[in-house]
Amino acid sequence: MPLIKVQTSVSPPQKAEVETMLLSLSAKLAKHLGKPESYVMTAFEPEIPMTFAGTTDPVCYIEIKSIGTMKPDQTEAMSQDFCQQINQTLGVSKNRIYIEFADAKSAMWGWNGSTFG
């Protein structure tokens, strides 16, 4: 049910580094939300034409979705954690990373031919 999707304008690092980043994001998201990692999905989309603040300098957009309500202390901790990791892995400045946190209703999240609601 939790999802973290990373979209960025930068070229991807080596495949092994991308996989390591995604596995780390998966484990961290599960821990931050207190949910089983067996339900966490990650996605990475590099080399997307993007602008931010009127420039094409490296930029990143992250979507985090989960069933239930994320509390402000959780989103604050996730913002710090994930901005740091993306900065280290992809080289995107923290001030050029936006994160959207979205709470999902269980009936609006499908899996295995059904929904969680």
PDB file of N, CA and C in Angstrom:
ATOM      1  N   MET A   1       0.790  -1.193   0.000  1.00  0.00           N
ATOM      2  CA  MET A   1       0.000   0.000   0.000  1.00  0.00           C
ATOM      3  C   MET A   1       0.836   1.262   0.000  1.00  0.00           C
ATOM      4  N   PRO A   2       1.924   1.396   0.770  1.00  0.00           N
ATOM      5  CA  PRO A   2       2.735   2.595   0.619  1.00  0.00           C
ATOM      6  C   PRO A   2       3.491   2.584  -0.718  1.00  0.00           C
ATOM      7  N   LEU A   3       3.630   3.765  -1.295  1.00  0.00           N
ATOM      8  CA  LEU A   3       4.344   3.948  -2.557  1.00  0.00           C
ATOM      9  C   LEU A   3       5.265   5.136  -2.426  1.00  0.00           C
ATOM     10  N   ILE A   4       6.488   4.979  -2.931  1.00  0.00           N
ATOM     11  CA  ILE A   4       7.385   6.121  -3.090  1.00  0.00           C
ATOM     12  C   ILE A   4       7.874   6.107  -4.531  1.00  0.00           C
ATOM     13  N   LYS A   5       7.582   7.200  -5.244  1.00  0.00           N
ATOM     14  CA  LYS A   5       7.981   7.329  -6.645  1.00  0.00           C
ATOM     15  C   LYS A   5       8.891   8.541  -6.778  1.00  0.00           C
ATOM     16  N   VAL A   6      10.049   8.312  -7.377  1.00  0.00           N
ATOM     17  CA  VAL A   6      11.045   9.358  -7.555  1.00  0.00           C
ATOM     18  C   VAL A   6      11.140   9.680  -9.043  1.00  0.00           C
ATOM     19  N   GLN A   7      10.862  10.930  -9.376  1.00  0.00           N
ATOM     20  CA  GLN A   7      11.014  11.410 -10.743  1.00  0.00           C
ATOM     21  C   GLN A   7      12.086  12.486 -10.730  1.00  0.00           C
ATOM     22  N   THR A   8      13.012  12.403 -11.677  1.00  0.00           N
ATOM     23  CA  THR A   8      14.112  13.355 -11.675  1.00  0.00           C
ATOM     24  C   THR A   8      14.563  13.679 -13.095  1.00  0.00           C
ATOM     25  N   SER A   9      15.195  14.825 -13.220  1.00  0.00           N
ATOM     26  CA  SER A   9      15.729  15.245 -14.508  1.00  0.00           C
ATOM     27  C   SER A   9      17.129  14.686 -14.755  1.00  0.00           C
ATOM     28  N   VAL A  10      17.762  14.147 -13.744  1.00  0.00           N
ATOM     29  CA  VAL A  10      19.141  13.680 -13.896  1.00  0.00           C
ATOM     30  C   VAL A  10      19.200  12.285 -14.513  1.00  0.00           C
ATOM     31  N   SER A  11      20.356  11.974 -15.077  1.00  0.00           N
ATOM     32  CA  SER A  11      20.591  10.638 -15.622  1.00  0.00           C
ATOM     33  C   SER A  11      20.728   9.648 -14.477  1.00  0.00           C
ATOM     34  N   PRO A  12      20.330   8.408 -14.708  1.00  0.00           N
ATOM     35  CA  PRO A  12      20.413   7.426 -13.624  1.00  0.00           C
ATOM     36  C   PRO A  12      21.855   7.008 -13.352  1.00  0.00           C
ATOM     37  N   PRO A  13      22.155   6.707 -12.102  1.00  0.00           N
ATOM     38  CA  PRO A  13      23.466   6.100 -11.817  1.00  0.00           C
ATOM     39  C   PRO A  13      23.463   4.654 -12.310  1.00  0.00           C
ATOM     40  N   GLN A  14      24.498   3.922 -12.017  1.00  0.00           N
ATOM     41  CA  GLN A  14      24.576   2.516 -12.417  1.00  0.00           C
ATOM     42  C   GLN A  14      23.384   1.738 -11.868  1.00  0.00           C
ATOM     43  N   LYS A  15      22.999   0.675 -12.582  1.00  0.00           N
ATOM     44  CA  LYS A  15      21.828  -0.119 -12.209  1.00  0.00           C
ATOM     45  C   LYS A  15      21.900  -0.599 -10.763  1.00  0.00           C
ATOM     46  N   ALA A  16      23.050  -1.058 -10.332  1.00  0.00           N
ATOM     47  CA  ALA A  16      23.195  -1.560  -8.960  1.00  0.00           C
ATOM     48  C   ALA A  16      22.943  -0.443  -7.943  1.00  0.00           C
ATOM     49  N   GLU A  17      23.376   0.775  -8.253  1.00  0.00           N
ATOM     50  CA  GLU A  17      23.172   1.903  -7.340  1.00  0.00           C
ATOM     51  C   GLU A  17      21.692   2.296  -7.282  1.00  0.00           C
ATOM     52  N   VAL A  18      21.006   2.209  -8.426  1.00  0.00           N
ATOM     53  CA  VAL A  18      19.569   2.477  -8.452  1.00  0.00           C
ATOM     54  C   VAL A  18      18.834   1.447  -7.597  1.00  0.00           C
ATOM     55  N   GLU A  19      19.188   0.183  -7.762  1.00  0.00           N
ATOM     56  CA  GLU A  19      18.544  -0.875  -6.979  1.00  0.00           C
ATOM     57  C   GLU A  19      18.796  -0.694  -5.486  1.00  0.00           C
ATOM     58  N   THR A  20      20.011  -0.334  -5.124  1.00  0.00           N
ATOM     59  CA  THR A  20      20.344  -0.084  -3.721  1.00  0.00           C
ATOM     60  C   THR A  20      19.519   1.073  -3.175  1.00  0.00           C
ATOM     61  N   MET A  21      19.389   2.147  -3.976  1.00  0.00           N
ATOM     62  CA  MET A  21      18.587   3.297  -3.552  1.00  0.00           C
ATOM     63  C   MET A  21      17.131   2.889  -3.338  1.00  0.00           C
ATOM     64  N   LEU A  22      16.556   2.138  -4.280  1.00  0.00           N
ATOM     65  CA  LEU A  22      15.158   1.741  -4.170  1.00  0.00           C
ATOM     66  C   LEU A  22      14.926   0.824  -2.972  1.00  0.00           C
ATOM     67  N   LEU A  23      15.827  -0.095  -2.730  1.00  0.00           N
ATOM     68  CA  LEU A  23      15.698  -0.980  -1.571  1.00  0.00           C
ATOM     69  C   LEU A  23      15.786  -0.192  -0.265  1.00  0.00           C
ATOM     70  N   SER A  24      16.666   0.790  -0.233  1.00  0.00           N
ATOM     71  CA  SER A  24      16.795   1.635   0.950  1.00  0.00           C
ATOM     72  C   SER A  24      15.543   2.478   1.157  1.00  0.00           C
ATOM     73  N   LEU A  25      15.017   3.081   0.078  1.00  0.00           N
ATOM     74  CA  LEU A  25      13.794   3.867   0.181  1.00  0.00           C
ATOM     75  C   LEU A  25      12.637   3.004   0.667  1.00  0.00           C
ATOM     76  N   SER A  26      12.554   1.770   0.184  1.00  0.00           N
ATOM     77  CA  SER A  26      11.497   0.850   0.582  1.00  0.00           C
ATOM     78  C   SER A  26      11.554   0.566   2.085  1.00  0.00           C
ATOM     79  N   ALA A  27      12.728   0.216   2.569  1.00  0.00           N
ATOM     80  CA  ALA A  27      12.890  -0.101   3.989  1.00  0.00           C
ATOM     81  C   ALA A  27      12.604   1.120   4.860  1.00  0.00           C
ATOM     82  N   LYS A  28      13.097   2.282   4.435  1.00  0.00           N
ATOM     83  CA  LYS A  28      12.888   3.502   5.218  1.00  0.00           C
ATOM     84  C   LYS A  28      11.414   3.893   5.252  1.00  0.00           C
ATOM     85  N   LEU A  29      10.723   3.774   4.099  1.00  0.00           N
ATOM     86  CA  LEU A  29       9.305   4.143   4.073  1.00  0.00           C
ATOM     87  C   LEU A  29       8.500   3.240   4.995  1.00  0.00           C
ATOM     88  N   ALA A  30       8.782   1.946   4.951  1.00  0.00           N
ATOM     89  CA  ALA A  30       8.081   1.009   5.841  1.00  0.00           C
ATOM     90  C   ALA A  30       8.317   1.389   7.308  1.00  0.00           C
ATOM     91  N   LYS A  31       9.538   1.723   7.634  1.00  0.00           N
ATOM     92  CA  LYS A  31       9.865   2.083   9.022  1.00  0.00           C
ATOM     93  C   LYS A  31       9.175   3.389   9.432  1.00  0.00           C
ATOM     94  N   HIS A  32       9.245   4.401   8.585  1.00  0.00           N
ATOM     95  CA  HIS A  32       8.612   5.682   8.909  1.00  0.00           C
ATOM     96  C   HIS A  32       7.107   5.533   9.132  1.00  0.00           C
ATOM     97  N   LEU A  33       6.464   4.680   8.325  1.00  0.00           N
ATOM     98  CA  LEU A  33       5.012   4.531   8.402  1.00  0.00           C
ATOM     99  C   LEU A  33       4.567   3.426   9.353  1.00  0.00           C
ATOM    100  N   GLY A  34       5.501   2.600   9.802  1.00  0.00           N
ATOM    101  CA  GLY A  34       5.153   1.490  10.680  1.00  0.00           C
ATOM    102  C   GLY A  34       4.310   0.441   9.969  1.00  0.00           C
ATOM    103  N   LYS A  35       4.596   0.239   8.683  1.00  0.00           N
ATOM    104  CA  LYS A  35       3.849  -0.736   7.883  1.00  0.00           C
ATOM    105  C   LYS A  35       4.794  -1.799   7.362  1.00  0.00           C
ATOM    106  N   PRO A  36       4.267  -2.989   7.048  1.00  0.00           N
ATOM    107  CA  PRO A  36       5.137  -4.051   6.532  1.00  0.00           C
ATOM    108  C   PRO A  36       5.758  -3.678   5.191  1.00  0.00           C
ATOM    109  N   GLU A  37       7.040  -3.931   5.060  1.00  0.00           N
ATOM    110  CA  GLU A  37       7.715  -3.639   3.798  1.00  0.00           C
ATOM    111  C   GLU A  37       7.174  -4.510   2.659  1.00  0.00           C
ATOM    112  N   SER A  38       6.554  -5.621   2.998  1.00  0.00           N
ATOM    113  CA  SER A  38       6.014  -6.518   1.966  1.00  0.00           C
ATOM    114  C   SER A  38       4.933  -5.842   1.120  1.00  0.00           C
ATOM    115  N   TYR A  39       4.399  -4.700   1.563  1.00  0.00           N
ATOM    116  CA  TYR A  39       3.395  -3.959   0.794  1.00  0.00           C
ATOM    117  C   TYR A  39       3.957  -2.706   0.126  1.00  0.00           C
ATOM    118  N   VAL A  40       5.206  -2.362   0.380  1.00  0.00           N
ATOM    119  CA  VAL A  40       5.791  -1.119  -0.145  1.00  0.00           C
ATOM    120  C   VAL A  40       6.216  -1.300  -1.600  1.00  0.00           C
ATOM    121  N   MET A  41       5.883  -0.284  -2.426  1.00  0.00           N
ATOM    122  CA  MET A  41       6.317  -0.256  -3.815  1.00  0.00           C
ATOM    123  C   MET A  41       7.186   0.983  -4.026  1.00  0.00           C
ATOM    124  N   THR A  42       8.235   0.825  -4.826  1.00  0.00           N
ATOM    125  CA  THR A  42       9.089   1.949  -5.187  1.00  0.00           C
ATOM    126  C   THR A  42       9.117   2.073  -6.710  1.00  0.00           C
ATOM    127  N   ALA A  43       9.366   3.279  -7.198  1.00  0.00           N
ATOM    128  CA  ALA A  43       9.506   3.518  -8.639  1.00  0.00           C
ATOM    129  C   ALA A  43      10.529   4.629  -8.841  1.00  0.00           C
ATOM    130  N   PHE A  44      11.272   4.524  -9.934  1.00  0.00           N
ATOM    131  CA  PHE A  44      12.298   5.516 -10.256  1.00  0.00           C
ATOM    132  C   PHE A  44      12.198   5.856 -11.734  1.00  0.00           C
ATOM    133  N   GLU A  45      12.026   7.134 -12.026  1.00  0.00           N
ATOM    134  CA  GLU A  45      11.913   7.616 -13.399  1.00  0.00           C
ATOM    135  C   GLU A  45      12.957   8.714 -13.630  1.00  0.00           C
ATOM    136  N   PRO A  46      14.088   8.377 -14.254  1.00  0.00           N
ATOM    137  CA  PRO A  46      15.131   9.368 -14.509  1.00  0.00           C
ATOM    138  C   PRO A  46      14.935  10.078 -15.848  1.00  0.00           C
ATOM    139  N   GLU A  47      15.726  11.094 -16.053  1.00  0.00           N
ATOM    140  CA  GLU A  47      15.819  11.825 -17.314  1.00  0.00           C
ATOM    141  C   GLU A  47      14.476  12.368 -17.816  1.00  0.00           C
ATOM    142  N   ILE A  48      13.656  12.856 -16.895  1.00  0.00           N
ATOM    143  CA  ILE A  48      12.391  13.476 -17.261  1.00  0.00           C
ATOM    144  C   ILE A  48      12.646  14.972 -17.467  1.00  0.00           C
ATOM    145  N   PRO A  49      12.236  15.526 -18.592  1.00  0.00           N
ATOM    146  CA  PRO A  49      12.402  16.969 -18.767  1.00  0.00           C
ATOM    147  C   PRO A  49      11.607  17.709 -17.685  1.00  0.00           C
ATOM    148  N   MET A  50      12.296  18.499 -16.892  1.00  0.00           N
ATOM    149  CA  MET A  50      11.675  19.196 -15.763  1.00  0.00           C
ATOM    150  C   MET A  50      12.320  20.567 -15.592  1.00  0.00           C
ATOM    151  N   THR A  51      11.561  21.489 -15.000  1.00  0.00           N
ATOM    152  CA  THR A  51      12.122  22.770 -14.573  1.00  0.00           C
ATOM    153  C   THR A  51      11.712  23.022 -13.126  1.00  0.00           C
ATOM    154  N   PHE A  52      12.467  23.875 -12.478  1.00  0.00           N
ATOM    155  CA  PHE A  52      12.130  24.337 -11.128  1.00  0.00           C
ATOM    156  C   PHE A  52      12.773  25.702 -10.972  1.00  0.00           C
ATOM    157  N   ALA A  53      12.033  26.652 -10.467  1.00  0.00           N
ATOM    158  CA  ALA A  53      12.530  28.013 -10.255  1.00  0.00           C
ATOM    159  C   ALA A  53      13.055  28.630 -11.552  1.00  0.00           C
ATOM    160  N   GLY A  54      12.438  28.245 -12.662  1.00  0.00           N
ATOM    161  CA  GLY A  54      12.786  28.838 -13.948  1.00  0.00           C
ATOM    162  C   GLY A  54      14.077  28.341 -14.570  1.00  0.00           C
ATOM    163  N   THR A  55      14.606  27.207 -14.057  1.00  0.00           N
ATOM    164  CA  THR A  55      15.830  26.652 -14.639  1.00  0.00           C
ATOM    165  C   THR A  55      15.659  25.157 -14.884  1.00  0.00           C
ATOM    166  N   THR A  56      16.558  24.617 -15.680  1.00  0.00           N
ATOM    167  CA  THR A  56      16.583  23.175 -15.937  1.00  0.00           C
ATOM    168  C   THR A  56      17.697  22.498 -15.146  1.00  0.00           C
ATOM    169  N   ASP A  57      18.216  23.172 -14.125  1.00  0.00           N
ATOM    170  CA  ASP A  57      19.207  22.541 -13.246  1.00  0.00           C
ATOM    171  C   ASP A  57      18.603  21.272 -12.655  1.00  0.00           C
ATOM    172  N   PRO A  58      19.438  20.331 -12.200  1.00  0.00           N
ATOM    173  CA  PRO A  58      18.914  19.074 -11.654  1.00  0.00           C
ATOM    174  C   PRO A  58      17.798  19.297 -10.633  1.00  0.00           C
ATOM    175  N   VAL A  59      16.736  18.508 -10.780  1.00  0.00           N
ATOM    176  CA  VAL A  59      15.547  18.652  -9.945  1.00  0.00           C
ATOM    177  C   VAL A  59      14.945  17.277  -9.707  1.00  0.00           C
ATOM    178  N   CYS A  60      14.149  17.162  -8.649  1.00  0.00           N
ATOM    179  CA  CYS A  60      13.533  15.885  -8.311  1.00  0.00           C
ATOM    180  C   CYS A  60      12.157  16.122  -7.700  1.00  0.00           C
ATOM    181  N   TYR A  61      11.215  15.260  -8.068  1.00  0.00           N
ATOM    182  CA  TYR A  61       9.861  15.268  -7.504  1.00  0.00           C
ATOM    183  C   TYR A  61       9.604  13.881  -6.951  1.00  0.00           C
ATOM    184  N   ILE A  62       9.160  13.817  -5.707  1.00  0.00           N
ATOM    185  CA  ILE A  62       8.911  12.541  -5.036  1.00  0.00           C
ATOM    186  C   ILE A  62       7.451  12.491  -4.602  1.00  0.00           C
ATOM    187  N   GLU A  63       6.787  11.380  -4.903  1.00  0.00           N
ATOM    188  CA  GLU A  63       5.426  11.147  -4.418  1.00  0.00           C
ATOM    189  C   GLU A  63       5.481  10.056  -3.359  1.00  0.00           C
ATOM    190  N   ILE A  64       4.832  10.312  -2.242  1.00  0.00           N
ATOM    191  CA  ILE A  64       4.690   9.311  -1.189  1.00  0.00           C
ATOM    192  C   ILE A  64       3.207   9.178  -0.890  1.00  0.00           C
ATOM    193  N   LYS A  65       2.683   7.977  -1.097  1.00  0.00           N
ATOM    194  CA  LYS A  65       1.269   7.713  -0.863  1.00  0.00           C
ATOM    195  C   LYS A  65       1.137   6.537   0.082  1.00  0.00           C
ATOM    196  N   SER A  66       0.111   6.601   0.935  1.00  0.00           N
ATOM    197  CA  SER A  66      -0.125   5.521   1.878  1.00  0.00           C
ATOM    198  C   SER A  66      -1.569   5.555   2.342  1.00  0.00           C
ATOM    199  N   ILE A  67      -2.095   4.381   2.644  1.00  0.00           N
ATOM    200  CA  ILE A  67      -3.439   4.300   3.208  1.00  0.00           C
ATOM    201  C   ILE A  67      -3.379   4.771   4.653  1.00  0.00           C
ATOM    202  N   GLY A  68      -4.312   5.618   5.019  1.00  0.00           N
ATOM    203  CA  GLY A  68      -4.342   6.145   6.378  1.00  0.00           C
ATOM    204  C   GLY A  68      -3.874   7.581   6.400  1.00  0.00           C
ATOM    205  N   THR A  69      -3.576   8.064   7.573  1.00  0.00           N
ATOM    206  CA  THR A  69      -3.196   9.462   7.749  1.00  0.00           C
ATOM    207  C   THR A  69      -1.747   9.567   8.183  1.00  0.00           C
ATOM    208  N   MET A  70      -0.968  10.309   7.411  1.00  0.00           N
ATOM    209  CA  MET A  70       0.403  10.606   7.806  1.00  0.00           C
ATOM    210  C   MET A  70       0.376  11.855   8.667  1.00  0.00           C
ATOM    211  N   LYS A  71       1.044  11.783   9.783  1.00  0.00           N
ATOM    212  CA  LYS A  71       1.083  12.899  10.730  1.00  0.00           C
ATOM    213  C   LYS A  71       2.226  13.857  10.373  1.00  0.00           C
ATOM    214  N   PRO A  72       2.097  15.129  10.766  1.00  0.00           N
ATOM    215  CA  PRO A  72       3.125  16.105  10.449  1.00  0.00           C
ATOM    216  C   PRO A  72       4.534  15.709  10.894  1.00  0.00           C
ATOM    217  N   ASP A  73       4.661  15.064  12.052  1.00  0.00           N
ATOM    218  CA  ASP A  73       5.997  14.658  12.491  1.00  0.00           C
ATOM    219  C   ASP A  73       6.564  13.571  11.579  1.00  0.00           C
ATOM    220  N   GLN A  74       5.704  12.712  11.044  1.00  0.00           N
ATOM    221  CA  GLN A  74       6.153  11.686  10.102  1.00  0.00           C
ATOM    222  C   GLN A  74       6.608  12.312   8.790  1.00  0.00           C
ATOM    223  N   THR A  75       5.803  13.226   8.251  1.00  0.00           N
ATOM    224  CA  THR A  75       6.168  13.826   6.964  1.00  0.00           C
ATOM    225  C   THR A  75       7.434  14.671   7.091  1.00  0.00           C
ATOM    226  N   GLU A  76       7.605  15.337   8.226  1.00  0.00           N
ATOM    227  CA  GLU A  76       8.820  16.112   8.454  1.00  0.00           C
ATOM    228  C   GLU A  76      10.049  15.202   8.473  1.00  0.00           C
ATOM    229  N   ALA A  77       9.961  14.093   9.201  1.00  0.00           N
ATOM    230  CA  ALA A  77      11.080  13.148   9.275  1.00  0.00           C
ATOM    231  C   ALA A  77      11.365  12.516   7.909  1.00  0.00           C
ATOM    232  N   MET A  78      10.305  12.177   7.176  1.00  0.00           N
ATOM    233  CA  MET A  78      10.501  11.592   5.847  1.00  0.00           C
ATOM    234  C   MET A  78      11.126  12.597   4.890  1.00  0.00           C
ATOM    235  N   SER A  79      10.708  13.851   4.963  1.00  0.00           N
ATOM    236  CA  SER A  79      11.281  14.869   4.095  1.00  0.00           C
ATOM    237  C   SER A  79      12.783  14.996   4.326  1.00  0.00           C
ATOM    238  N   GLN A  80      13.174  15.052   5.583  1.00  0.00           N
ATOM    239  CA  GLN A  80      14.603  15.141   5.901  1.00  0.00           C
ATOM    240  C   GLN A  80      15.355  13.915   5.395  1.00  0.00           C
ATOM    241  N   ASP A  81      14.833  12.742   5.697  1.00  0.00           N
ATOM    242  CA  ASP A  81      15.485  11.479   5.355  1.00  0.00           C
ATOM    243  C   ASP A  81      15.614  11.299   3.842  1.00  0.00           C
ATOM    244  N   PHE A  82      14.493  11.468   3.124  1.00  0.00           N
ATOM    245  CA  PHE A  82      14.505  11.195   1.688  1.00  0.00           C
ATOM    246  C   PHE A  82      15.233  12.277   0.897  1.00  0.00           C
ATOM    247  N   CYS A  83      15.149  13.536   1.322  1.00  0.00           N
ATOM    248  CA  CYS A  83      15.926  14.585   0.648  1.00  0.00           C
ATOM    249  C   CYS A  83      17.422  14.314   0.789  1.00  0.00           C
ATOM    250  N   GLN A  84      17.828  13.893   1.983  1.00  0.00           N
ATOM    251  CA  GLN A  84      19.236  13.567   2.212  1.00  0.00           C
ATOM    252  C   GLN A  84      19.684  12.423   1.309  1.00  0.00           C
ATOM    253  N   GLN A  85      18.888  11.377   1.224  1.00  0.00           N
ATOM    254  CA  GLN A  85      19.280  10.230   0.414  1.00  0.00           C
ATOM    255  C   GLN A  85      19.331  10.573  -1.073  1.00  0.00           C
ATOM    256  N   ILE A  86      18.350  11.304  -1.566  1.00  0.00           N
ATOM    257  CA  ILE A  86      18.333  11.677  -2.984  1.00  0.00           C
ATOM    258  C   ILE A  86      19.510  12.594  -3.295  1.00  0.00           C
ATOM    259  N   ASN A  87      19.812  13.507  -2.390  1.00  0.00           N
ATOM    260  CA  ASN A  87      20.972  14.373  -2.573  1.00  0.00           C
ATOM    261  C   ASN A  87      22.257  13.561  -2.686  1.00  0.00           C
ATOM    262  N   GLN A  88      22.425  12.590  -1.795  1.00  0.00           N
ATOM    263  CA  GLN A  88      23.639  11.776  -1.804  1.00  0.00           C
ATOM    264  C   GLN A  88      23.707  10.850  -3.016  1.00  0.00           C
ATOM    265  N   THR A  89      22.578  10.258  -3.383  1.00  0.00           N
ATOM    266  CA  THR A  89      22.587   9.269  -4.465  1.00  0.00           C
ATOM    267  C   THR A  89      22.566   9.900  -5.848  1.00  0.00           C
ATOM    268  N   LEU A  90      21.737  10.929  -6.029  1.00  0.00           N
ATOM    269  CA  LEU A  90      21.553  11.510  -7.356  1.00  0.00           C
ATOM    270  C   LEU A  90      22.228  12.862  -7.540  1.00  0.00           C
ATOM    271  N   GLY A  91      22.657  13.475  -6.434  1.00  0.00           N
ATOM    272  CA  GLY A  91      23.333  14.767  -6.519  1.00  0.00           C
ATOM    273  C   GLY A  91      22.401  15.951  -6.705  1.00  0.00           C
ATOM    274  N   VAL A  92      21.101  15.765  -6.478  1.00  0.00           N
ATOM    275  CA  VAL A  92      20.146  16.866  -6.586  1.00  0.00           C
ATOM    276  C   VAL A  92      20.153  17.644  -5.270  1.00  0.00           C
ATOM    277  N   SER A  93      20.297  18.957  -5.363  1.00  0.00           N
ATOM    278  CA  SER A  93      20.297  19.795  -4.161  1.00  0.00           C
ATOM    279  C   SER A  93      18.978  19.644  -3.422  1.00  0.00           C
ATOM    280  N   LYS A  94      19.047  19.631  -2.103  1.00  0.00           N
ATOM    281  CA  LYS A  94      17.842  19.472  -1.283  1.00  0.00           C
ATOM    282  C   LYS A  94      16.811  20.564  -1.573  1.00  0.00           C
ATOM    283  N   ASN A  95      17.282  21.758  -1.912  1.00  0.00           N
ATOM    284  CA  ASN A  95      16.348  22.858  -2.176  1.00  0.00           C
ATOM    285  C   ASN A  95      15.739  22.786  -3.582  1.00  0.00           C
ATOM    286  N   ARG A  96      16.036  21.697  -4.307  1.00  0.00           N
ATOM    287  CA  ARG A  96      15.431  21.463  -5.624  1.00  0.00           C
ATOM    288  C   ARG A  96      14.675  20.128  -5.634  1.00  0.00           C
ATOM    289  N   ILE A  97      14.226  19.730  -4.456  1.00  0.00           N
ATOM    290  CA  ILE A  97      13.443  18.495  -4.309  1.00  0.00           C
ATOM    291  C   ILE A  97      12.097  18.854  -3.694  1.00  0.00           C
ATOM    292  N   TYR A  98      11.036  18.493  -4.391  1.00  0.00           N
ATOM    293  CA  TYR A  98       9.684  18.604  -3.832  1.00  0.00           C
ATOM    294  C   TYR A  98       9.190  17.211  -3.485  1.00  0.00           C
ATOM    295  N   ILE A  99       8.475  17.111  -2.378  1.00  0.00           N
ATOM    296  CA  ILE A  99       7.860  15.838  -1.984  1.00  0.00           C
ATOM    297  C   ILE A  99       6.370  16.087  -1.764  1.00  0.00           C
ATOM    298  N   GLU A 100       5.562  15.261  -2.395  1.00  0.00           N
ATOM    299  CA  GLU A 100       4.113  15.304  -2.176  1.00  0.00           C
ATOM    300  C   GLU A 100       3.723  14.104  -1.326  1.00  0.00           C
ATOM    301  N   PHE A 101       3.109  14.367  -0.182  1.00  0.00           N
ATOM    302  CA  PHE A 101       2.596  13.317   0.693  1.00  0.00           C
ATOM    303  C   PHE A 101       1.090  13.232   0.477  1.00  0.00           C
ATOM    304  N   ALA A 102       0.587  12.040   0.195  1.00  0.00           N
ATOM    305  CA  ALA A 102      -0.838  11.880  -0.058  1.00  0.00           C
ATOM    306  C   ALA A 102      -1.388  10.699   0.736  1.00  0.00           C
ATOM    307  N   ASP A 103      -2.423  10.978   1.527  1.00  0.00           N
ATOM    308  CA  ASP A 103      -3.141   9.930   2.247  1.00  0.00           C
ATOM    309  C   ASP A 103      -4.185   9.344   1.309  1.00  0.00           C
ATOM    310  N   ALA A 104      -4.292   8.033   1.276  1.00  0.00           N
ATOM    311  CA  ALA A 104      -5.264   7.365   0.408  1.00  0.00           C
ATOM    312  C   ALA A 104      -6.327   6.668   1.244  1.00  0.00           C
ATOM    313  N   LYS A 105      -7.559   6.706   0.766  1.00  0.00           N
ATOM    314  CA  LYS A 105      -8.623   5.932   1.399  1.00  0.00           C
ATOM    315  C   LYS A 105      -8.451   4.474   0.988  1.00  0.00           C
ATOM    316  N   SER A 106      -8.716   3.565   1.899  1.00  0.00           N
ATOM    317  CA  SER A 106      -8.477   2.142   1.632  1.00  0.00           C
ATOM    318  C   SER A 106      -9.272   1.622   0.442  1.00  0.00           C
ATOM    319  N   ALA A 107     -10.473   2.135   0.230  1.00  0.00           N
ATOM    320  CA  ALA A 107     -11.288   1.679  -0.899  1.00  0.00           C
ATOM    321  C   ALA A 107     -10.781   2.228  -2.231  1.00  0.00           C
ATOM    322  N   MET A 108      -9.858   3.181  -2.177  1.00  0.00           N
ATOM    323  CA  MET A 108      -9.320   3.788  -3.397  1.00  0.00           C
ATOM    324  C   MET A 108      -7.933   3.239  -3.753  1.00  0.00           C
ATOM    325  N   TRP A 109      -7.549   2.130  -3.123  1.00  0.00           N
ATOM    326  CA  TRP A 109      -6.236   1.529  -3.374  1.00  0.00           C
ATOM    327  C   TRP A 109      -6.459   0.054  -3.679  1.00  0.00           C
ATOM    328  N   GLY A 110      -6.205  -0.346  -4.919  1.00  0.00           N
ATOM    329  CA  GLY A 110      -6.451  -1.717  -5.330  1.00  0.00           C
ATOM    330  C   GLY A 110      -5.205  -2.577  -5.272  1.00  0.00           C
ATOM    331  N   TRP A 111      -5.436  -3.879  -5.079  1.00  0.00           N
ATOM    332  CA  TRP A 111      -4.338  -4.853  -5.048  1.00  0.00           C
ATOM    333  C   TRP A 111      -4.940  -6.248  -5.142  1.00  0.00           C
ATOM    334  N   ASN A 112      -4.315  -7.099  -5.908  1.00  0.00           N
ATOM    335  CA  ASN A 112      -4.668  -8.510  -5.964  1.00  0.00           C
ATOM    336  C   ASN A 112      -6.149  -8.738  -6.334  1.00  0.00           C
ATOM    337  N   GLY A 113      -6.656  -7.903  -7.251  1.00  0.00           N
ATOM    338  CA  GLY A 113      -8.031  -8.058  -7.717  1.00  0.00           C
ATOM    339  C   GLY A 113      -9.084  -7.506  -6.780  1.00  0.00           C
ATOM    340  N   SER A 114      -8.677  -6.779  -5.748  1.00  0.00           N
ATOM    341  CA  SER A 114      -9.626  -6.224  -4.789  1.00  0.00           C
ATOM    342  C   SER A 114      -9.118  -4.858  -4.349  1.00  0.00           C
ATOM    343  N   THR A 115      -9.628  -4.350  -3.257  1.00  0.00           N
ATOM    344  CA  THR A 115      -9.120  -3.126  -2.648  1.00  0.00           C
ATOM    345  C   THR A 115      -8.839  -3.400  -1.178  1.00  0.00           C
ATOM    346  N   PHE A 116      -8.208  -2.431  -0.521  1.00  0.00           N
ATOM    347  CA  PHE A 116      -7.930  -2.566   0.908  1.00  0.00           C
ATOM    348  C   PHE A 116      -9.117  -2.117   1.749  1.00  0.00           C
ATOM    349  N   GLY A 117     -10.187  -1.607   1.092  1.00  0.00           N
ATOM    350  CA  GLY A 117     -11.314  -1.045   1.829  1.00  0.00           C
ATOM    351  C   GLY A 117     -12.468  -1.949   2.030  1.00  0.00           C
TER     352      GLY A 117
END
